[in-house]
């Protein structure tokens, strides 16, 4: 049995895109927000987060810009592109179908 923090393959992209939908964030803030919203259940490790951010940037779904963080240090802030918003909608619909199907099986008498 996996740890609660193990993410289903492919869900990290959805979580990152969703976390960036309201505003740009730097990597550490993305990881903290996912952890906070999930009630401390999901913890995204740097070794997973930064390759995912790079991949999403390569796909054109997010863009990065250097800016000053709340601590006064320079940090790379990531934001959704128009293509990223479209992808977020697709990923959300796909997740709803998948999780709904899994729920049907799990709740089966």
N, C-alpha and C. Protein backbone atom coordinates (compact mmCIF):
# COMPACT_ATOMS: atom_id res chain seq x y z
N UNK A 1 0.85 -1.18 0.00
CA UNK A 1 0.00 0.00 0.00
C UNK A 1 0.89 1.24 0.00
N UNK A 2 0.56 2.21 -0.85
CA UNK A 2 1.37 3.41 -0.96
C UNK A 2 1.12 4.38 0.19
N UNK A 3 2.05 5.28 0.35
CA UNK A 3 1.88 6.34 1.34
C UNK A 3 0.78 7.29 0.85
N UNK A 4 0.10 7.98 1.77
CA UNK A 4 -0.93 8.93 1.34
C UNK A 4 -0.37 10.04 0.45
N UNK A 5 0.91 10.32 0.58
CA UNK A 5 1.50 11.40 -0.21
C UNK A 5 1.83 10.98 -1.63
N UNK A 6 1.75 9.68 -1.94
CA UNK A 6 2.02 9.23 -3.30
C UNK A 6 0.94 9.75 -4.24
N UNK A 7 1.36 10.39 -5.33
CA UNK A 7 0.40 10.94 -6.27
C UNK A 7 0.15 9.97 -7.40
N UNK A 8 -1.10 9.87 -7.80
CA UNK A 8 -1.45 9.06 -8.96
C UNK A 8 -0.71 9.63 -10.16
N UNK A 9 -0.17 8.74 -10.98
CA UNK A 9 0.57 9.17 -12.17
C UNK A 9 -0.26 10.19 -12.95
N UNK A 10 0.34 11.31 -13.28
CA UNK A 10 -0.33 12.31 -14.09
C UNK A 10 -1.10 13.36 -13.32
N UNK A 11 -1.33 13.15 -12.03
CA UNK A 11 -2.12 14.14 -11.28
C UNK A 11 -1.29 15.36 -10.88
N UNK A 12 0.02 15.23 -10.84
CA UNK A 12 0.85 16.37 -10.44
C UNK A 12 0.66 17.55 -11.39
N UNK A 13 0.60 17.27 -12.69
CA UNK A 13 0.38 18.35 -13.66
C UNK A 13 -0.92 19.08 -13.36
N UNK A 14 -1.98 18.32 -13.12
CA UNK A 14 -3.28 18.91 -12.80
C UNK A 14 -3.20 19.77 -11.54
N UNK A 15 -2.54 19.26 -10.51
CA UNK A 15 -2.43 20.00 -9.25
C UNK A 15 -1.65 21.30 -9.43
N UNK A 16 -0.58 21.25 -10.19
CA UNK A 16 0.22 22.45 -10.44
C UNK A 16 -0.59 23.47 -11.23
N UNK A 17 -1.23 23.02 -12.31
CA UNK A 17 -2.01 23.94 -13.13
C UNK A 17 -3.12 24.58 -12.31
N UNK A 18 -3.80 23.78 -11.50
CA UNK A 18 -4.89 24.30 -10.67
C UNK A 18 -4.36 25.30 -9.64
N UNK A 19 -3.22 25.00 -9.05
CA UNK A 19 -2.63 25.89 -8.04
C UNK A 19 -2.22 27.22 -8.65
N UNK A 20 -1.82 27.21 -9.91
CA UNK A 20 -1.40 28.45 -10.58
C UNK A 20 -2.57 29.21 -11.21
N UNK A 21 -3.77 28.63 -11.21
CA UNK A 21 -4.88 29.29 -11.92
C UNK A 21 -5.25 30.66 -11.35
N UNK A 22 -5.23 30.87 -10.02
CA UNK A 22 -5.59 32.22 -9.56
C UNK A 22 -4.46 33.25 -9.72
N UNK A 23 -3.21 32.82 -9.54
CA UNK A 23 -2.10 33.79 -9.60
C UNK A 23 -0.76 33.07 -9.75
N UNK A 24 0.25 33.82 -10.16
CA UNK A 24 1.60 33.28 -10.30
C UNK A 24 2.16 32.94 -8.92
N UNK A 25 2.96 31.87 -8.88
CA UNK A 25 3.61 31.46 -7.63
C UNK A 25 4.99 30.91 -7.95
N UNK A 26 5.88 30.96 -6.96
CA UNK A 26 7.18 30.33 -7.12
C UNK A 26 7.07 28.87 -6.65
N UNK A 27 8.07 28.08 -6.96
CA UNK A 27 8.01 26.64 -6.70
C UNK A 27 7.66 26.26 -5.28
N UNK A 28 8.35 26.86 -4.31
CA UNK A 28 8.09 26.51 -2.91
C UNK A 28 6.64 26.82 -2.55
N UNK A 29 6.12 27.95 -3.03
CA UNK A 29 4.74 28.34 -2.73
C UNK A 29 3.74 27.38 -3.37
N UNK A 30 4.07 26.85 -4.54
CA UNK A 30 3.19 25.87 -5.20
C UNK A 30 3.10 24.62 -4.32
N UNK A 31 4.26 24.12 -3.90
CA UNK A 31 4.29 22.91 -3.06
C UNK A 31 3.55 23.13 -1.75
N UNK A 32 3.77 24.28 -1.11
CA UNK A 32 3.09 24.58 0.17
C UNK A 32 1.58 24.69 -0.02
N UNK A 33 1.14 25.30 -1.11
CA UNK A 33 -0.29 25.46 -1.35
C UNK A 33 -0.97 24.10 -1.57
N UNK A 34 -0.34 23.23 -2.33
CA UNK A 34 -0.89 21.89 -2.55
C UNK A 34 -1.01 21.16 -1.21
N UNK A 35 0.03 21.26 -0.39
CA UNK A 35 0.03 20.62 0.92
C UNK A 35 -1.07 21.22 1.80
N UNK A 36 -1.19 22.53 1.79
CA UNK A 36 -2.17 23.22 2.63
C UNK A 36 -3.61 22.87 2.20
N UNK A 37 -3.91 22.96 0.92
CA UNK A 37 -5.27 22.70 0.45
C UNK A 37 -5.66 21.24 0.67
N UNK A 38 -4.69 20.33 0.58
CA UNK A 38 -4.99 18.91 0.74
C UNK A 38 -5.07 18.48 2.21
N UNK A 39 -5.01 19.45 3.11
CA UNK A 39 -5.05 19.11 4.53
C UNK A 39 -3.82 18.35 4.97
N UNK A 40 -2.67 18.71 4.40
CA UNK A 40 -1.38 18.11 4.73
C UNK A 40 -1.22 16.66 4.24
N UNK A 41 -2.14 16.19 3.38
CA UNK A 41 -2.06 14.82 2.88
C UNK A 41 -1.07 14.71 1.73
N UNK A 42 -1.11 15.67 0.81
CA UNK A 42 -0.24 15.63 -0.36
C UNK A 42 0.99 16.50 -0.12
N UNK A 43 2.15 15.90 -0.32
CA UNK A 43 3.40 16.63 -0.19
C UNK A 43 4.21 16.40 -1.46
N UNK A 44 4.44 17.49 -2.19
CA UNK A 44 5.17 17.40 -3.45
C UNK A 44 6.64 17.67 -3.16
N UNK A 45 7.47 16.70 -3.45
CA UNK A 45 8.90 16.84 -3.22
C UNK A 45 9.54 17.65 -4.34
N UNK A 46 10.63 18.35 -4.02
CA UNK A 46 11.32 19.17 -5.02
C UNK A 46 11.77 18.33 -6.21
N UNK A 47 12.15 17.09 -5.95
CA UNK A 47 12.61 16.20 -7.03
C UNK A 47 11.52 15.85 -8.02
N UNK A 48 10.26 16.03 -7.63
CA UNK A 48 9.13 15.83 -8.54
C UNK A 48 8.62 17.16 -9.09
N UNK A 49 8.60 18.17 -8.23
CA UNK A 49 8.01 19.46 -8.60
C UNK A 49 8.77 20.15 -9.72
N UNK A 50 10.08 20.31 -9.56
CA UNK A 50 10.81 21.12 -10.53
C UNK A 50 10.91 20.47 -11.91
N UNK A 51 11.08 19.15 -12.01
CA UNK A 51 10.99 18.54 -13.35
C UNK A 51 9.60 18.72 -13.97
N UNK A 52 8.55 18.66 -13.15
CA UNK A 52 7.19 18.86 -13.66
C UNK A 52 7.00 20.30 -14.14
N UNK A 53 7.51 21.27 -13.38
CA UNK A 53 7.42 22.67 -13.80
C UNK A 53 8.15 22.89 -15.12
N UNK A 54 9.32 22.29 -15.24
CA UNK A 54 10.10 22.40 -16.48
C UNK A 54 9.32 21.79 -17.65
N UNK A 55 8.74 20.62 -17.42
CA UNK A 55 7.96 19.92 -18.46
C UNK A 55 6.76 20.77 -18.89
N UNK A 56 6.04 21.35 -17.91
CA UNK A 56 4.87 22.18 -18.22
C UNK A 56 5.27 23.44 -18.98
N UNK A 57 6.44 23.96 -18.65
CA UNK A 57 6.95 25.14 -19.36
C UNK A 57 7.30 24.77 -20.80
N UNK A 58 7.92 23.61 -20.99
CA UNK A 58 8.26 23.13 -22.34
C UNK A 58 7.00 22.91 -23.18
N UNK A 59 5.92 22.48 -22.52
CA UNK A 59 4.64 22.25 -23.22
C UNK A 59 3.96 23.57 -23.59
N UNK A 60 4.41 24.67 -22.98
CA UNK A 60 3.79 25.96 -23.24
C UNK A 60 2.57 26.23 -22.37
N UNK A 61 2.39 25.42 -21.33
CA UNK A 61 1.21 25.57 -20.45
C UNK A 61 1.45 26.55 -19.31
N UNK A 62 2.72 26.76 -18.96
CA UNK A 62 3.07 27.77 -17.96
C UNK A 62 4.26 28.56 -18.50
N UNK A 63 4.43 29.75 -17.93
CA UNK A 63 5.61 30.55 -18.27
C UNK A 63 6.26 30.99 -16.96
N UNK A 64 7.55 31.24 -17.03
CA UNK A 64 8.30 31.59 -15.82
C UNK A 64 8.91 32.98 -15.97
N UNK A 65 9.00 33.67 -14.84
CA UNK A 65 9.60 35.01 -14.82
C UNK A 65 10.28 35.18 -13.46
N UNK A 66 11.50 35.71 -13.49
CA UNK A 66 12.21 35.99 -12.24
C UNK A 66 11.65 37.24 -11.60
N UNK A 67 11.41 37.18 -10.29
CA UNK A 67 10.91 38.33 -9.54
C UNK A 67 11.30 38.16 -8.08
N UNK A 68 11.08 39.20 -7.31
CA UNK A 68 11.42 39.15 -5.89
C UNK A 68 10.30 38.45 -5.11
N UNK A 69 10.68 37.49 -4.28
CA UNK A 69 9.70 36.77 -3.46
C UNK A 69 9.38 37.57 -2.20
N UNK A 70 8.46 37.05 -1.40
CA UNK A 70 8.07 37.74 -0.17
C UNK A 70 9.22 37.84 0.83
N UNK A 71 10.25 37.00 0.65
CA UNK A 71 11.42 37.05 1.55
C UNK A 71 12.49 38.02 1.04
N UNK A 72 12.24 38.62 -0.12
CA UNK A 72 13.22 39.56 -0.69
C UNK A 72 14.24 38.90 -1.60
N UNK A 73 14.14 37.59 -1.75
CA UNK A 73 15.07 36.87 -2.64
C UNK A 73 14.47 36.76 -4.04
N UNK A 74 15.36 36.60 -5.01
CA UNK A 74 14.91 36.38 -6.37
C UNK A 74 14.39 34.94 -6.49
N UNK A 75 13.25 34.78 -7.13
CA UNK A 75 12.67 33.45 -7.34
C UNK A 75 11.99 33.42 -8.70
N UNK A 76 11.89 32.23 -9.26
CA UNK A 76 11.21 32.06 -10.52
C UNK A 76 9.72 31.89 -10.23
N UNK A 77 8.91 32.80 -10.74
CA UNK A 77 7.46 32.73 -10.57
C UNK A 77 6.84 32.13 -11.82
N UNK A 78 5.93 31.20 -11.61
CA UNK A 78 5.28 30.50 -12.71
C UNK A 78 3.83 30.96 -12.81
N UNK A 79 3.35 31.11 -14.04
CA UNK A 79 1.95 31.48 -14.26
C UNK A 79 1.41 30.69 -15.45
N UNK A 80 0.08 30.55 -15.47
CA UNK A 80 -0.57 29.83 -16.56
C UNK A 80 -0.57 30.67 -17.83
N UNK A 81 -0.44 30.00 -18.96
CA UNK A 81 -0.63 30.64 -20.26
C UNK A 81 -2.07 30.32 -20.70
N UNK A 82 -2.49 30.89 -21.80
CA UNK A 82 -3.82 30.59 -22.34
C UNK A 82 -3.93 29.10 -22.64
N UNK A 83 -2.86 28.52 -23.20
CA UNK A 83 -2.86 27.08 -23.49
C UNK A 83 -2.94 26.28 -22.19
N UNK A 84 -2.33 26.81 -21.13
CA UNK A 84 -2.37 26.15 -19.83
C UNK A 84 -3.77 26.14 -19.24
N UNK A 85 -4.50 27.22 -19.43
CA UNK A 85 -5.89 27.27 -18.95
C UNK A 85 -6.75 26.25 -19.68
N UNK A 86 -6.54 26.12 -20.99
CA UNK A 86 -7.26 25.13 -21.78
C UNK A 86 -6.90 23.72 -21.30
N UNK A 87 -5.62 23.49 -21.07
CA UNK A 87 -5.16 22.19 -20.60
C UNK A 87 -5.74 21.88 -19.22
N UNK A 88 -5.82 22.88 -18.35
CA UNK A 88 -6.39 22.69 -17.02
C UNK A 88 -7.84 22.21 -17.14
N UNK A 89 -8.60 22.79 -18.04
CA UNK A 89 -9.99 22.35 -18.24
C UNK A 89 -10.04 20.90 -18.69
N UNK A 90 -9.18 20.53 -19.65
CA UNK A 90 -9.13 19.15 -20.14
C UNK A 90 -8.74 18.18 -19.03
N UNK A 91 -7.70 18.54 -18.28
CA UNK A 91 -7.22 17.67 -17.21
C UNK A 91 -8.27 17.52 -16.11
N UNK A 92 -8.98 18.60 -15.81
CA UNK A 92 -10.02 18.56 -14.78
C UNK A 92 -11.14 17.62 -15.20
N UNK A 93 -11.59 17.72 -16.44
CA UNK A 93 -12.65 16.83 -16.93
C UNK A 93 -12.19 15.37 -16.91
N UNK A 94 -10.97 15.14 -17.34
CA UNK A 94 -10.41 13.79 -17.33
C UNK A 94 -10.35 13.24 -15.91
N UNK A 95 -9.91 14.07 -14.95
CA UNK A 95 -9.83 13.65 -13.56
C UNK A 95 -11.21 13.31 -13.01
N UNK A 96 -12.20 14.12 -13.34
CA UNK A 96 -13.57 13.87 -12.86
C UNK A 96 -14.07 12.51 -13.37
N UNK A 97 -13.82 12.22 -14.64
CA UNK A 97 -14.24 10.92 -15.21
C UNK A 97 -13.52 9.76 -14.50
N UNK A 98 -12.20 9.89 -14.36
CA UNK A 98 -11.40 8.84 -13.75
C UNK A 98 -11.78 8.62 -12.29
N UNK A 99 -11.84 9.70 -11.51
CA UNK A 99 -12.15 9.55 -10.09
C UNK A 99 -13.57 9.06 -9.88
N UNK A 100 -14.49 9.47 -10.74
CA UNK A 100 -15.87 8.98 -10.66
C UNK A 100 -15.94 7.48 -10.91
N UNK A 101 -15.20 7.01 -11.91
CA UNK A 101 -15.17 5.58 -12.21
C UNK A 101 -14.55 4.79 -11.07
N UNK A 102 -13.48 5.30 -10.49
CA UNK A 102 -12.83 4.61 -9.37
C UNK A 102 -13.77 4.57 -8.17
N UNK A 103 -14.47 5.68 -7.91
CA UNK A 103 -15.44 5.71 -6.81
C UNK A 103 -16.53 4.66 -6.99
N UNK A 104 -16.99 4.48 -8.21
CA UNK A 104 -18.03 3.46 -8.47
C UNK A 104 -17.52 2.08 -8.09
N UNK A 105 -16.28 1.79 -8.43
CA UNK A 105 -15.71 0.48 -8.12
C UNK A 105 -15.49 0.33 -6.62
N UNK A 106 -14.92 1.35 -5.99
CA UNK A 106 -14.62 1.29 -4.55
C UNK A 106 -15.89 1.17 -3.73
N UNK A 107 -16.95 1.83 -4.13
CA UNK A 107 -18.19 1.82 -3.36
C UNK A 107 -19.08 0.62 -3.69
N UNK A 108 -18.68 -0.18 -4.66
CA UNK A 108 -19.46 -1.37 -5.03
C UNK A 108 -19.57 -2.30 -3.84
N UNK A 109 -20.81 -2.74 -3.56
CA UNK A 109 -21.12 -3.60 -2.42
C UNK A 109 -20.23 -4.76 -2.30
